[in-house]
C-alpha atoms as a PDB file:
ATOM      1  CA  MET A   1    -221.330   2.790 192.583  1.00  0.00           C
ATOM      2  CA  ARG A   2    -219.152   1.600 189.735  1.00  0.00           C
ATOM      3  CA  LEU A   3    -216.323   0.687 192.127  1.00  0.00           C
ATOM      4  CA  GLU A   4    -218.768  -1.281 194.284  1.00  0.00           C
ATOM      5  CA  LEU A   5    -219.858  -3.323 191.260  1.00  0.00           C
ATOM      6  CA  TYR A   6    -216.236  -3.923 190.302  1.00  0.00           C
ATOM      7  CA  GLN A   7    -215.408  -5.034 193.849  1.00  0.00           C
ATOM      8  CA  ALA A   8    -218.364  -7.417 193.886  1.00  0.00           C
ATOM      9  CA  GLU A   9    -217.365  -8.954 190.555  1.00  0.00           C
ATOM     10  CA  THR A  10    -213.714  -9.372 191.527  1.00  0.00           C
ATOM     11  CA  SER A  11    -214.840 -10.955 194.791  1.00  0.00           C
ATOM     12  CA  ARG A  12    -217.017 -13.425 192.886  1.00  0.00           C
ATOM     13  CA  ILE A  13    -214.147 -14.323 190.554  1.00  0.00           C
ATOM     14  CA  ALA A  14    -211.750 -14.766 193.483  1.00  0.00           C
ATOM     15  CA  LYS A  15    -214.178 -17.125 195.234  1.00  0.00           C
ATOM     16  CA  GLU A  16    -214.601 -19.243 192.087  1.00  0.00           C
ATOM     17  CA  GLN A  17    -210.867 -19.544 191.464  1.00  0.00           C
ATOM     18  CA  THR A  18    -210.126 -20.222 195.124  1.00  0.00           C
ATOM     19  CA  ALA A  19    -212.689 -23.036 195.093  1.00  0.00           C
ATOM     20  CA  LEU A  20    -210.899 -24.597 192.117  1.00  0.00           C
ATOM     21  CA  LEU A  21    -207.559 -24.369 193.908  1.00  0.00           C
ATOM     22  CA  ASP A  22    -209.084 -25.883 197.058  1.00  0.00           C
ATOM     23  CA  GLU A  23    -210.367 -28.793 194.990  1.00  0.00           C
ATOM     24  CA  ALA A  24    -206.901 -29.369 193.519  1.00  0.00           C
ATOM     25  CA  GLN A  25    -205.403 -29.209 197.009  1.00  0.00           C
ATOM     26  CA  GLN A  26    -207.827 -31.888 198.223  1.00  0.00           C
ATOM     27  CA  THR A  27    -206.877 -34.102 195.289  1.00  0.00           C
ATOM     28  CA  LEU A  28    -203.187 -33.735 196.086  1.00  0.00           C
ATOM     29  CA  ALA A  29    -203.768 -34.266 199.816  1.00  0.00           C
ATOM     30  CA  SER A  30    -205.461 -37.572 199.036  1.00  0.00           C
ATOM     31  CA  GLY A  31    -202.247 -38.761 197.392  1.00  0.00           C
ATOM     32  CA  LYS A  32    -203.491 -38.500 193.809  1.00  0.00           C
ATOM     33  CA  LYS A  33    -201.618 -36.678 191.086  1.00  0.00           C
ATOM     34  CA  LEU A  34    -203.180 -33.988 188.984  1.00  0.00           C
ATOM     35  CA  SER A  35    -203.552 -34.618 185.280  1.00  0.00           C
ATOM     36  CA  ARG A  36    -201.838 -32.242 182.871  1.00  0.00           C
ATOM     37  CA  LEU A  37    -205.191 -30.590 182.247  1.00  0.00           C
ATOM     38  CA  GLU A  38    -205.745 -30.126 185.992  1.00  0.00           C
ATOM     39  CA  GLU A  39    -202.238 -28.738 186.436  1.00  0.00           C
ATOM     40  CA  ASN A  40    -202.934 -26.269 183.646  1.00  0.00           C
ATOM     41  CA  GLY A  41    -206.187 -25.322 185.374  1.00  0.00           C
ATOM     42  CA  VAL A  42    -204.317 -24.644 188.614  1.00  0.00           C
ATOM     43  CA  LEU A  43    -201.862 -22.377 186.793  1.00  0.00           C
ATOM     44  CA  HIS A  44    -204.734 -20.566 185.093  1.00  0.00           C
ATOM     45  CA  ALA A  45    -206.559 -20.089 188.404  1.00  0.00           C
ATOM     46  CA  LEU A  46    -203.411 -18.596 189.950  1.00  0.00           C
ATOM     47  CA  GLN A  47    -202.977 -16.266 186.977  1.00  0.00           C
ATOM     48  CA  VAL A  48    -206.593 -15.092 187.198  1.00  0.00           C
ATOM     49  CA  LEU A  49    -206.252 -14.446 190.946  1.00  0.00           C
ATOM     50  CA  ILE A  50    -203.047 -12.461 190.450  1.00  0.00           C
ATOM     51  CA  GLU A  51    -204.511 -10.392 187.613  1.00  0.00           C
ATOM     52  CA  ASN A  52    -207.639  -9.866 189.706  1.00  0.00           C
ATOM     53  CA  SER A  53    -205.636  -8.496 192.631  1.00  0.00           C
ATOM     54  CA  ILE A  54    -203.569  -6.218 190.380  1.00  0.00           C
ATOM     55  CA  GLY A  55    -206.697  -4.781 188.799  1.00  0.00           C
ATOM     56  CA  LYS A  56    -208.371  -4.344 192.165  1.00  0.00           C
ATOM     57  CA  SER A  57    -205.385  -2.498 193.637  1.00  0.00           C
ATOM     58  CA  LYS A  58    -205.246  -0.150 190.645  1.00  0.00           C
ATOM     59  CA  HIS A  59    -208.974   0.564 190.851  1.00  0.00           C
ATOM     60  CA  ILE A  60    -208.685   1.349 194.568  1.00  0.00           C
ATOM     61  CA  LEU A  61    -205.782   3.720 193.921  1.00  0.00           C
ATOM     62  CA  LYS A  62    -207.712   5.460 191.157  1.00  0.00           C
ATOM     63  CA  ALA A  63    -210.824   5.788 193.349  1.00  0.00           C
ATOM     64  CA  ALA A  64    -208.669   7.363 196.063  1.00  0.00           C
ATOM     65  CA  ASN A  65    -207.279   9.881 193.526  1.00  0.00           C
ATOM     66  CA  GLU A  66    -203.805   8.422 193.964  1.00  0.00           C
ATOM     67  CA  PRO A  67    -201.330   7.921 191.111  1.00  0.00           C
ATOM     68  CA  VAL A  68    -201.907   4.599 189.371  1.00  0.00           C
ATOM     69  CA  PRO A  69    -198.616   2.940 188.454  1.00  0.00           C
ATOM     70  CA  VAL A  70    -198.133   1.195 185.142  1.00  0.00           C
ATOM     71  CA  SER A  71    -196.162  -1.624 186.735  1.00  0.00           C
ATOM     72  CA  ALA A  72    -198.181  -4.320 188.455  1.00  0.00           C
ATOM     73  CA  TYR A  73    -195.419  -4.683 191.036  1.00  0.00           C
ATOM     74  CA  ASP A  74    -195.599  -0.977 191.909  1.00  0.00           C
ATOM     75  CA  ALA A  75    -199.364  -1.197 192.459  1.00  0.00           C
ATOM     76  CA  PHE A  76    -198.653  -3.047 195.704  1.00  0.00           C
ATOM     77  CA  LEU A  77    -195.911  -0.797 197.107  1.00  0.00           C
END
Protein backbone atom coordinates (compact mmCIF):
# COMPACT_ATOMS: atom_id res chain seq x y z
CA MET A 1 0.00 0.00 0.00
CA ARG A 2 2.85 2.38 0.72
CA LEU A 3 4.10 2.14 -2.88
CA GLU A 4 0.60 2.89 -4.16
CA LEU A 5 0.46 6.07 -2.07
CA TYR A 6 3.91 7.08 -3.30
CA GLN A 7 2.87 6.47 -6.91
CA ALA A 8 -0.28 8.54 -6.45
CA GLU A 9 1.66 11.44 -4.92
CA THR A 10 4.36 11.41 -7.61
CA SER A 11 1.62 11.33 -10.24
CA ARG A 12 -0.04 14.37 -8.67
CA ILE A 13 3.26 16.26 -8.58
CA ALA A 14 4.02 15.36 -12.20
CA LYS A 15 0.61 16.64 -13.33
CA GLU A 16 1.10 19.95 -11.49
CA GLN A 17 4.56 20.54 -12.91
CA THR A 18 3.50 19.50 -16.41
CA ALA A 19 0.63 21.99 -16.25
CA LEU A 20 3.11 24.75 -15.39
CA LEU A 21 5.33 23.77 -18.31
CA ASP A 22 2.31 23.68 -20.64
CA GLU A 23 1.40 27.20 -19.54
CA ALA A 24 4.93 28.42 -20.29
CA GLN A 25 4.80 26.71 -23.68
CA GLN A 26 1.55 28.52 -24.51
CA THR A 27 3.12 31.83 -23.54
CA LEU A 28 6.10 31.19 -25.80
CA ALA A 29 3.89 29.97 -28.65
CA SER A 30 1.98 33.25 -28.52
CA GLY A 31 5.23 35.09 -29.24
CA LYS A 32 5.72 36.47 -25.73
CA LYS A 33 8.93 36.10 -23.79
CA LEU A 34 9.07 34.63 -20.33
CA SER A 35 10.17 36.87 -17.50
CA ARG A 36 13.24 35.86 -15.50
CA LEU A 37 10.94 34.63 -12.75
CA GLU A 38 8.97 32.51 -15.24
CA GLU A 39 12.17 31.12 -16.73
CA ASN A 40 13.31 30.17 -13.24
CA GLY A 41 9.94 28.51 -12.66
CA VAL A 42 10.35 26.46 -15.84
CA LEU A 43 13.79 25.29 -14.70
CA HIS A 44 12.41 24.41 -11.28
CA ALA A 45 9.51 22.46 -12.81
CA LEU A 46 11.95 20.47 -14.95
CA GLN A 47 14.13 19.74 -11.91
CA VAL A 48 11.13 18.55 -9.89
CA LEU A 49 9.99 16.29 -12.74
CA ILE A 50 13.46 14.78 -13.11
CA GLU A 51 13.85 14.20 -9.37
CA ASN A 52 10.34 12.75 -9.30
CA SER A 53 11.16 10.23 -12.02
CA ILE A 54 14.45 9.24 -10.36
CA GLY A 55 12.71 8.64 -7.05
CA LYS A 56 9.91 6.70 -8.71
CA SER A 57 12.32 4.42 -10.58
CA LYS A 58 14.25 3.69 -7.38
CA HIS A 59 11.06 2.91 -5.47
CA ILE A 60 9.91 0.54 -8.21
CA LEU A 61 13.27 -1.25 -8.18
CA LYS A 62 13.14 -1.57 -4.40
CA ALA A 63 9.56 -2.90 -4.49
CA ALA A 64 10.65 -5.50 -7.04
CA ASN A 65 13.52 -6.58 -4.73
CA GLU A 66 16.05 -5.44 -7.32
CA PRO A 67 19.32 -3.67 -6.47
CA VAL A 68 18.79 0.07 -6.13
CA PRO A 69 21.69 2.01 -7.65
CA VAL A 70 23.12 5.07 -5.97
CA SER A 71 23.53 6.88 -9.27
CA ALA A 72 20.42 8.48 -10.70
CA TYR A 73 21.66 7.67 -14.20
CA ASP A 74 21.98 3.97 -13.35
CA ALA A 75 18.39 3.87 -12.05
CA PHE A 76 17.22 4.06 -15.66
CA LEU A 77 19.53 1.45 -17.20
